[in-house]
Protein backbone atom coordinates (compact mmCIF):
# COMPACT_ATOMS: atom_id res chain seq x y z
CA UNK A 1 37.43 52.51 61.22
CA UNK A 2 34.77 52.03 58.56
CA UNK A 3 34.52 53.41 55.05
CA UNK A 4 31.11 53.72 53.38
CA UNK A 5 31.13 53.60 49.59
CA UNK A 6 28.10 55.06 47.86
CA UNK A 7 27.51 53.22 44.59
CA UNK A 8 28.52 49.72 43.48
CA UNK A 9 29.59 50.60 39.96
CA UNK A 10 33.06 49.72 38.68
CA UNK A 11 34.68 52.56 40.64
CA UNK A 12 32.96 51.67 43.90
CA UNK A 13 33.79 47.98 43.55
CA UNK A 14 37.44 48.70 42.79
CA UNK A 15 37.73 51.08 45.74
CA UNK A 16 36.11 48.53 48.05
CA UNK A 17 38.56 45.79 47.05
CA UNK A 18 41.59 48.08 47.27
CA UNK A 19 40.59 49.12 50.80
CA UNK A 20 39.59 45.65 52.00
CA UNK A 21 42.90 44.27 50.76
CA UNK A 22 44.55 46.61 53.27
CA UNK A 23 42.36 45.39 56.12
CA UNK A 24 39.81 48.23 56.04
CA UNK A 25 36.17 47.66 57.02
CA UNK A 26 34.02 48.59 54.00
CA UNK A 27 30.26 48.87 53.49
CA UNK A 28 28.84 49.56 50.04
CA UNK A 29 25.40 51.17 49.63
CA UNK A 30 23.77 50.64 46.24
CA UNK A 31 20.40 52.02 45.15
CA UNK A 32 19.89 49.31 42.51
CA UNK A 33 19.25 45.63 43.15
CA UNK A 34 22.77 44.48 42.27
CA UNK A 35 26.36 45.53 41.72
CA UNK A 36 27.79 46.82 38.47
CA UNK A 37 26.25 50.22 37.78
CA UNK A 38 26.09 50.57 33.99
CA UNK A 39 27.16 46.92 33.73
CA UNK A 40 23.82 45.74 35.12
CA UNK A 41 22.02 43.72 32.42
CA UNK A 42 18.50 44.00 31.07
CA UNK A 43 16.32 40.87 31.25
CA UNK A 44 13.82 40.62 28.44
CA UNK A 45 11.76 37.70 27.20
CA UNK A 46 13.78 35.24 29.24
CA UNK A 47 17.10 36.52 27.86
CA UNK A 48 19.86 38.69 29.32
CA UNK A 49 21.25 41.70 27.45
CA UNK A 50 24.31 43.85 27.98
CA UNK A 51 22.70 47.28 27.99
CA UNK A 52 25.77 49.49 28.47
CA UNK A 53 29.44 48.53 27.99
CA UNK A 54 29.73 45.42 25.83
CA UNK A 55 33.44 44.49 25.84
CA UNK A 56 36.49 44.82 28.09
CA UNK A 57 39.58 46.86 27.24
CA UNK A 58 42.58 47.68 29.44
CA UNK A 59 42.43 44.19 30.88
CA UNK A 60 45.52 44.97 32.99
CA UNK A 61 43.39 47.20 35.27
CA UNK A 62 41.33 44.26 36.48
CA UNK A 63 44.34 41.95 36.58
CA UNK A 64 45.94 44.43 38.97
CA UNK A 65 42.73 44.69 41.01
CA UNK A 66 42.51 40.92 41.50
CA UNK A 67 46.22 40.76 42.34
CA UNK A 68 45.67 43.29 45.13
CA UNK A 69 43.31 40.79 46.74
CA UNK A 70 45.71 37.90 46.18
CA UNK A 71 43.80 36.31 43.28
CA UNK A 72 44.00 36.03 39.49
CA UNK A 73 41.51 37.47 37.04
CA UNK A 74 41.82 34.46 34.72
CA UNK A 75 40.72 32.11 37.53
CA UNK A 76 37.48 34.05 37.98
CA UNK A 77 36.44 35.17 34.51
CA UNK A 78 36.48 33.72 31.00
CA UNK A 79 37.62 36.26 28.40
CA UNK A 80 37.80 35.75 24.62
CA UNK A 81 39.93 38.17 22.58
CA UNK A 82 38.13 39.61 19.56
CA UNK A 83 39.86 39.07 16.23
CA UNK A 84 37.57 41.54 14.44
CA UNK A 85 37.40 44.68 16.59
CA UNK A 86 34.50 46.19 14.66
CA UNK A 87 32.73 46.12 11.29
CA UNK A 88 31.78 49.41 9.67
CA UNK A 89 29.17 50.19 7.01
CA UNK A 90 28.34 53.27 4.97
CA UNK A 91 25.46 54.01 2.59
CA UNK A 92 25.20 51.52 -0.23
CA UNK A 93 26.73 48.72 1.84
CA UNK A 94 30.38 49.83 1.70
CA UNK A 95 32.13 47.83 4.43
CA UNK A 96 35.45 47.86 6.31
CA UNK A 97 36.61 45.72 9.24
CA UNK A 98 39.25 46.65 11.83
CA UNK A 99 41.29 43.82 13.32
CA UNK A 100 43.27 43.15 16.47
CA UNK A 101 46.26 42.58 14.19
CA UNK A 102 47.51 45.92 12.90
CA UNK A 103 48.91 44.45 9.69
CA UNK A 104 45.51 42.99 8.85
CA UNK A 105 43.90 46.36 9.47
CA UNK A 106 46.48 48.10 7.27
CA UNK A 107 45.84 45.65 4.43
CA UNK A 108 42.06 45.96 4.81
CA UNK A 109 42.31 49.76 4.62
CA UNK A 110 44.56 49.49 1.58
CA UNK A 111 42.02 47.30 -0.20
CA UNK A 112 39.18 49.60 0.85
CA UNK A 113 40.69 53.05 0.20
CA UNK A 114 44.10 52.68 -1.40
CA UNK A 115 47.78 52.47 -0.49
CA UNK A 116 48.09 56.10 0.65
CA UNK A 117 45.32 55.62 3.22
CA UNK A 118 46.95 52.40 4.46
CA UNK A 119 50.15 54.36 5.05
CA UNK A 120 48.12 57.04 6.78
CA UNK A 121 46.73 54.39 9.10
CA UNK A 122 50.22 53.21 10.00
CA UNK A 123 51.24 56.77 10.89
CA UNK A 124 48.03 57.28 12.87
CA UNK A 125 48.51 54.03 14.81
CA UNK A 126 52.11 54.94 15.60
CA UNK A 127 51.08 58.38 16.88
CA UNK A 128 48.22 56.93 18.94
CA UNK A 129 50.60 54.44 20.58
CA UNK A 130 53.10 57.21 21.38
CA UNK A 131 50.37 59.31 23.05
CA UNK A 132 49.06 56.31 25.01
CA UNK A 133 52.52 55.35 26.26
CA UNK A 134 53.38 58.96 27.12
CA UNK A 135 50.23 59.46 29.22
CA UNK A 136 49.87 56.05 30.89
CA UNK A 137 52.02 56.72 33.94
CA UNK A 138 51.92 60.53 34.45
CA UNK A 139 48.21 60.91 33.64
CA UNK A 140 46.11 57.73 33.66
CA UNK A 141 47.83 56.27 36.74
CA UNK A 142 48.29 59.59 38.53
CA UNK A 143 45.99 60.76 41.32
CA UNK A 144 46.07 64.44 40.55
CA UNK A 145 47.70 65.40 37.25
CA UNK A 146 47.93 69.02 36.17
CA UNK A 147 49.25 70.54 32.94
CA UNK A 148 52.38 71.52 34.84
CA UNK A 149 52.98 68.13 36.49
CA UNK A 150 52.46 66.45 33.13
CA UNK A 151 54.93 68.77 31.39
CA UNK A 152 57.48 68.29 34.19
CA UNK A 153 57.28 64.49 33.99
CA UNK A 154 57.76 64.20 30.23
CA UNK A 155 60.48 65.12 27.73
CA UNK A 156 59.58 68.18 25.65
CA UNK A 157 59.17 66.04 22.54
CA UNK A 158 56.59 63.85 24.30
CA UNK A 159 54.70 66.91 25.54
CA UNK A 160 54.39 68.23 22.00
CA UNK A 161 53.69 64.73 20.68
CA UNK A 162 50.47 64.28 22.68
CA UNK A 163 49.02 67.10 20.55
CA UNK A 164 46.63 68.70 23.09
CA UNK A 165 46.02 71.95 21.19
CA UNK A 166 44.79 70.52 17.89
CA UNK A 167 41.27 69.19 17.54
CA UNK A 168 40.89 65.49 16.95
CA UNK A 169 39.15 66.05 13.62
CA UNK A 170 41.85 68.36 12.28
CA UNK A 171 44.50 65.86 13.33
CA UNK A 172 42.70 63.09 11.44
CA UNK A 173 42.96 65.07 8.21
CA UNK A 174 46.76 64.83 8.44
CA UNK A 175 46.54 61.02 8.37
CA UNK A 176 43.45 60.31 6.25
CA UNK A 177 42.01 62.00 3.19
CA UNK A 178 39.12 59.57 2.75
CA UNK A 179 36.09 61.02 4.64
CA UNK A 180 34.93 57.49 5.52
CA UNK A 181 38.15 56.82 7.41
CA UNK A 182 37.92 60.19 9.11
CA UNK A 183 34.48 59.13 10.34
CA UNK A 184 35.67 55.71 11.42
CA UNK A 185 38.62 56.90 13.49
CA UNK A 186 36.79 60.04 14.63
CA UNK A 187 34.25 57.82 16.37
CA UNK A 188 36.73 57.10 19.18
CA UNK A 189 35.89 60.42 20.84
CA UNK A 190 32.31 59.22 21.36
CA UNK A 191 33.69 56.56 23.72
CA UNK A 192 33.89 59.38 26.25
CA UNK A 193 30.75 61.14 25.03
CA UNK A 194 32.58 63.84 23.08
CA UNK A 195 32.61 65.34 19.60
CA UNK A 196 35.63 64.81 17.33
CA UNK A 197 35.21 68.43 16.23
CA UNK A 198 35.82 69.78 19.76
CA UNK A 199 37.88 67.09 21.50
CA UNK A 200 41.69 67.34 21.51
CA UNK A 201 43.82 65.09 19.33
CA UNK A 202 45.18 63.58 22.56
CA UNK A 203 42.18 61.22 22.47
CA UNK A 204 43.91 59.34 19.68
CA UNK A 205 45.17 57.22 22.59
CA UNK A 206 41.73 55.53 22.65
CA UNK A 207 42.53 53.97 19.27
CA UNK A 208 45.68 52.40 20.73
CA UNK A 209 43.81 51.20 23.82
CA UNK A 210 41.46 49.29 21.51
CA UNK A 211 44.28 48.07 19.28
CA UNK A 212 46.04 46.76 22.41
CA UNK A 213 43.26 44.24 23.00
CA UNK A 214 39.49 43.89 23.20
CA UNK A 215 37.93 40.99 25.09
CA UNK A 216 34.42 39.61 25.04
CA UNK A 217 33.31 38.37 28.46
CA UNK A 218 31.68 34.93 28.62
CA UNK A 219 28.27 35.50 30.20
CA UNK A 220 28.23 39.16 29.20
CA UNK A 221 29.64 42.18 30.98
CA UNK A 222 27.39 41.40 33.94
CA UNK A 223 29.71 38.45 34.57
CA UNK A 224 32.56 40.92 35.10
CA UNK A 225 30.49 42.78 37.70
CA UNK A 226 29.60 39.52 39.43
CA UNK A 227 33.23 38.36 39.50
CA UNK A 228 34.40 41.65 41.00
CA UNK A 229 31.53 41.72 43.51
CA UNK A 230 32.36 38.17 44.61
CA UNK A 231 36.01 39.13 45.01
CA UNK A 232 34.94 42.03 47.21
CA UNK A 233 32.76 39.76 49.33
CA UNK A 234 35.62 37.29 49.77
CA UNK A 235 37.73 40.24 50.89
CA UNK A 236 35.19 41.08 53.60
CA UNK A 237 33.19 43.88 51.96
CA UNK A 238 29.54 44.24 53.04
CA UNK A 239 26.91 45.15 50.41
CA UNK A 240 23.51 46.73 51.04
CA UNK A 241 21.37 46.72 47.88
CA UNK A 242 18.16 48.68 47.23
CA UNK A 243 19.72 51.10 49.68
CA UNK A 244 20.33 54.62 48.40
CA UNK A 245 22.24 57.36 50.21
CA UNK A 246 20.13 60.38 51.11
CA UNK A 247 22.53 62.43 53.21
CA UNK A 248 26.13 62.52 54.36
CA UNK A 249 26.58 63.68 57.95
CA UNK A 250 29.54 65.63 59.24
CA UNK A 251 30.96 66.13 62.71
CA UNK A 252 33.43 68.98 63.21
CA UNK A 253 33.42 69.46 59.41
CA UNK A 254 34.48 65.84 58.79
CA UNK A 255 32.26 63.07 57.41
CA UNK A 256 30.88 60.89 60.19
CA UNK A 257 27.93 58.93 58.76
CA UNK A 258 25.71 58.25 55.76
CA UNK A 259 21.91 58.27 56.10
CA UNK A 260 20.10 55.91 53.72
CA UNK A 261 16.63 56.07 52.17
CA UNK A 262 15.11 54.20 55.13
CA UNK A 263 16.57 56.65 57.62
CA UNK A 264 19.23 54.22 58.82
CA UNK A 265 22.50 55.76 59.96
CA UNK A 266 25.78 54.19 58.85
CA UNK A 267 28.63 55.60 61.00
CA UNK A 268 31.96 55.92 59.21
CA UNK A 269 35.26 57.73 59.21
CA UNK A 270 35.41 58.09 55.41
CA UNK A 271 33.07 58.12 52.42
CA UNK A 272 33.86 57.37 48.78
CA UNK A 273 31.13 58.75 46.54
CA UNK A 274 30.91 56.67 43.38
CA UNK A 275 28.04 58.56 41.77
CA UNK A 276 28.19 61.41 39.31
CA UNK A 277 29.92 64.29 41.06
CA UNK A 278 27.21 66.68 39.87
CA UNK A 279 24.91 65.13 42.49
CA UNK A 280 27.14 66.59 45.19
CA UNK A 281 27.30 69.94 43.42
CA UNK A 282 23.48 69.97 43.33
CA UNK A 283 23.34 69.38 47.10
CA UNK A 284 21.53 66.04 46.79
CA UNK A 285 23.54 64.67 49.73
CA UNK A 286 23.56 67.87 51.77
CA UNK A 287 24.31 71.54 51.23
CA UNK A 288 27.71 71.19 52.89
CA UNK A 289 28.93 69.13 49.94
CA UNK A 290 28.08 71.47 47.06
CA UNK A 291 31.72 72.48 46.66
CA UNK A 292 32.86 68.86 46.69
CA UNK A 293 31.40 68.14 43.24
CA UNK A 294 31.81 69.77 39.87
CA UNK A 295 28.72 70.61 37.88
CA UNK A 296 29.42 71.22 34.20
CA UNK A 297 27.35 73.69 32.26
CA UNK A 298 25.03 72.35 29.61
CA UNK A 299 27.70 73.14 27.00
CA UNK A 300 30.23 70.97 28.87
CA UNK A 301 28.05 67.90 29.36
CA UNK A 302 28.92 64.72 27.55
CA UNK A 303 26.54 62.98 25.18
CA UNK A 304 23.64 60.78 26.16
CA UNK A 305 21.94 58.14 24.02
CA UNK A 306 18.81 56.45 22.84
CA UNK A 307 19.22 52.68 23.25
CA UNK A 308 17.27 49.60 22.31
CA UNK A 309 17.65 46.11 23.77
CA UNK A 310 15.69 43.81 21.49
CA UNK A 311 15.47 40.43 19.87
CA UNK A 312 15.53 41.00 16.13
CA UNK A 313 15.10 39.50 12.73
CA UNK A 314 17.30 40.96 10.01
CA UNK A 315 18.53 40.43 6.48
CA UNK A 316 21.26 41.93 4.37
CA UNK A 317 24.49 43.16 5.98
CA UNK A 318 26.37 40.54 8.01
CA UNK A 319 27.04 41.59 11.59
CA UNK A 320 30.05 41.24 13.89
CA UNK A 321 29.90 41.59 17.68
CA UNK A 322 30.46 45.33 17.10
CA UNK A 323 29.00 46.86 13.95
CA UNK A 324 28.75 50.57 13.16
CA UNK A 325 26.52 52.14 10.50
CA UNK A 326 27.78 55.63 9.69
CA UNK A 327 25.70 58.67 8.76
CA UNK A 328 26.27 60.35 5.39
CA UNK A 329 27.81 63.48 6.92
CA UNK A 330 29.57 63.40 10.31
CA UNK A 331 29.88 67.17 10.58
CA UNK A 332 26.15 67.66 10.04
CA UNK A 333 25.39 64.89 12.53
CA UNK A 334 27.39 66.48 15.35
CA UNK A 335 26.09 69.95 14.54
CA UNK A 336 22.56 68.57 14.91
CA UNK A 337 23.46 66.90 18.22
CA UNK A 338 24.16 70.29 19.75
CA UNK A 339 20.41 70.96 19.53
CA UNK A 340 18.64 67.60 19.49
CA UNK A 341 18.62 64.12 17.96
CA UNK A 342 20.37 63.90 14.59
CA UNK A 343 18.08 63.35 11.58
CA UNK A 344 20.68 60.94 10.15
CA UNK A 345 22.38 59.27 13.13
CA UNK A 346 25.34 56.94 13.22
CA UNK A 347 24.07 53.63 14.66
CA UNK A 348 26.10 51.33 16.91
CA UNK A 349 24.90 47.73 17.12
CA UNK A 350 26.16 44.96 19.40
CA UNK A 351 25.18 41.46 18.28
CA UNK A 352 25.06 39.34 21.44
CA UNK A 353 23.94 36.14 19.77
CA UNK A 354 20.60 34.32 19.66
CA UNK A 355 18.95 37.32 18.04
CA UNK A 356 19.83 39.64 20.96
CA UNK A 357 20.93 43.14 20.02
CA UNK A 358 21.91 46.35 21.78
CA UNK A 359 21.39 49.32 19.46
CA UNK A 360 22.54 52.86 20.27
CA UNK A 361 22.47 56.31 18.72
CA UNK A 362 23.99 59.40 20.31
CA UNK A 363 21.79 62.16 21.69
CA UNK A 364 22.30 65.37 23.68
CA UNK A 365 22.02 65.15 27.46
CA UNK A 366 18.61 66.67 27.99
CA UNK A 367 15.26 65.32 29.12
CA UNK A 368 14.28 63.77 25.79
CA UNK A 369 11.96 60.82 25.37
CA UNK A 370 11.42 58.29 22.62
CA UNK A 371 9.25 59.00 19.60
CA UNK A 372 8.35 56.96 16.55
CA UNK A 373 10.48 59.29 14.44
CA UNK A 374 13.63 58.60 16.46
CA UNK A 375 13.19 54.89 15.98
CA UNK A 376 12.41 55.33 12.30
CA UNK A 377 15.54 57.40 11.70
CA UNK A 378 17.61 54.63 13.25
CA UNK A 379 15.97 51.95 11.08
CA UNK A 380 16.34 54.12 7.94
CA UNK A 381 20.08 54.45 8.56
CA UNK A 382 20.40 50.67 8.83
CA UNK A 383 18.48 50.21 5.58
CA UNK A 384 20.63 52.78 3.72
CA UNK A 385 23.69 50.81 4.84
CA UNK A 386 22.27 47.48 3.69
CA UNK A 387 20.54 46.03 6.78
CA UNK A 388 16.80 45.48 7.11
CA UNK A 389 15.75 44.84 10.70
CA UNK A 390 12.57 44.13 12.63
CA UNK A 391 12.58 44.73 16.39
CA UNK A 392 10.81 42.37 18.80
CA UNK A 393 10.56 42.28 22.61
CA UNK A 394 11.99 45.79 22.83
CA UNK A 395 13.31 47.60 25.92
CA UNK A 396 14.04 51.27 25.21
CA UNK A 397 15.98 53.88 27.17
CA UNK A 398 16.10 57.60 26.46
CA UNK A 399 18.18 60.47 27.86
CA UNK A 400 15.30 61.12 30.26
CA UNK A 401 15.53 57.51 31.51
CA UNK A 402 19.27 57.90 32.09
CA UNK A 403 18.65 61.17 33.93
CA UNK A 404 16.34 59.27 36.29
CA UNK A 405 18.80 56.41 36.76
CA UNK A 406 21.75 58.71 37.42
CA UNK A 407 20.57 61.76 39.42
CA UNK A 408 21.83 65.24 38.53
CA UNK A 409 23.36 64.14 35.21
CA UNK A 410 20.55 65.36 32.90
CA UNK A 411 21.18 62.05 31.16
CA UNK A 412 24.87 62.66 30.35
CA UNK A 413 26.50 59.23 30.36
CA UNK A 414 30.17 60.20 30.60
CA UNK A 415 30.37 63.15 32.99
CA UNK A 416 32.09 66.16 31.51
CA UNK A 417 32.73 66.21 27.75
CA UNK A 418 36.41 66.13 26.76
CA UNK A 419 36.26 69.35 24.77
CA UNK A 420 39.32 71.58 24.73
CA UNK A 421 42.83 70.84 25.95
CA UNK A 422 42.03 71.67 29.59
CA UNK A 423 38.90 69.50 29.88
CA UNK A 424 40.67 66.39 31.10
CA UNK A 425 42.28 68.38 33.93
CA UNK A 426 38.92 69.86 34.96
CA UNK A 427 37.40 66.55 35.98
CA UNK A 428 37.08 66.20 39.76
CA UNK A 429 39.96 64.43 41.48
CA UNK A 430 39.75 61.79 44.20
CA UNK A 431 40.28 64.20 47.10
CA UNK A 432 37.69 66.85 47.96
CA UNK A 433 37.68 69.88 50.25
CA UNK A 434 35.66 67.91 52.80
CA UNK A 435 37.90 65.84 55.14
CA UNK A 436 37.07 62.17 54.77
CA UNK A 437 35.13 62.53 51.48
CA UNK A 438 36.57 61.11 48.26
CA UNK A 439 35.27 60.75 44.70
CA UNK A 440 35.39 57.84 42.27
CA UNK A 441 33.66 56.76 39.08
CA UNK A 442 33.47 57.76 35.45
CA UNK A 443 32.73 61.45 36.09
CA UNK A 444 36.08 61.84 37.90
CA UNK A 445 39.70 61.54 36.82
CA UNK A 446 40.87 59.72 34.71
CA UNK A 447 37.49 59.56 32.92
CA UNK A 448 34.60 57.37 31.73
CA UNK A 449 34.55 53.73 30.75
CA UNK A 450 34.66 50.58 32.88
CA UNK A 451 38.46 50.29 33.28
CA UNK A 452 38.88 54.05 33.75
CA UNK A 453 36.18 54.13 36.44
CA UNK A 454 37.94 51.21 38.16
CA UNK A 455 41.20 53.17 38.04
CA UNK A 456 39.39 56.11 39.65
CA UNK A 457 38.19 53.81 42.43
CA UNK A 458 41.71 52.54 43.10
CA UNK A 459 43.07 56.10 43.13
CA UNK A 460 40.35 57.13 45.62
CA UNK A 461 41.24 54.23 47.92
CA UNK A 462 44.93 55.14 47.73
CA UNK A 463 44.23 58.79 48.55
CA UNK A 464 42.11 57.75 51.53
CA UNK A 465 44.81 55.46 52.90
CA UNK A 466 47.52 58.08 52.38
CA UNK A 467 45.50 60.71 54.23
CA UNK A 468 44.71 58.31 57.06
CA UNK A 469 48.43 57.51 57.46
CA UNK A 470 49.22 61.22 57.73
CA UNK A 471 46.62 61.63 60.49
CA UNK A 472 48.15 58.93 62.69
CA UNK A 473 50.27 60.31 65.55
């Protein structure tokens, strides 16, 4: 029996390895020229750039994945823990670093904003850890969590402690009075393309995920994709690149084959779709699969971005691997993002060495293209925060470019936005209503991000194997 996986992103790769480790025959179809999805690098002027995710968190996910195939992550990938998690600037050059060591972060905050704010950080970090630990097993590692299953699996105090009914921003005000710190820790909701003013306080867990360890990958994040692809190949997985899926066939209402862009038929007993689930809802792989995906309304879509990969020359502010330049007013910035690009955007910059930079500002998920003004607003924000920069050898991507790369998303980079306490439960699960069809990737449970997408792939593989065992006489 053969499984066809559509999409060689992190979720598709993880699903392929989890299945192959159990002796399943697996073929992966990928429309792009290589594996990795958003991990695929940009090559510019003879240099390679990470153009999406730039560091690894939740390292244990990939350690578990390699263990399933009988290997060790450390034998296949070189990872360096970051001492400075991120550097943050505000107008006038005000600067604060966060560190992997919580005591260092507490002291830095105390020096930056005073003793009361340092104590607020300690309380915030403690609450974030409690939420993370409470949700790890019953939510992040669960195939199909519901509000009721979550409540049943946790003590009442833990249920109340995850704080799902308060907005993230309101929760921050109970820990921090300094608006700069509210901005800094509010930024964690953008990791899943959401607004701190609408997301639940439960997303404080992201802060603890980062505090638990951030690793820089030697060779860039593309090296992670290559290591996982090679593991899949050693496990017996077949890859077909520049090969996009055009239709899923069914026989007696069950998936039976995938037709690719060349008209080739790939017979199979199961399919794992590792694209954005909205593509199924839009009928891009056949009308029979419209109910298998979930298409969020425009109001429920996550953020998109304008990005620049460029070699640069700069002066002024000293950069870390991760540096953030905050807008003057976060509330005004996110209010503007509901309609279009913000006139004063927060800028994220990844310094990849040798003058190579990835620069990103958030944008709404609509068919927007670059303009001189968008680039100028980004450069003005850097200058107000103390950095003067000149871009050279530039590769730009807009929400419209992301919409083309990832069909049916309108450019949304994280699937459904995590707005409201029910949003996390409204993401599609691994199983669908179509026998033999399963979902994986960042648009499905447990959510976006490289390790989360990999978890979704492993959950999809497990669901497939469980269902197949039930079908055996």
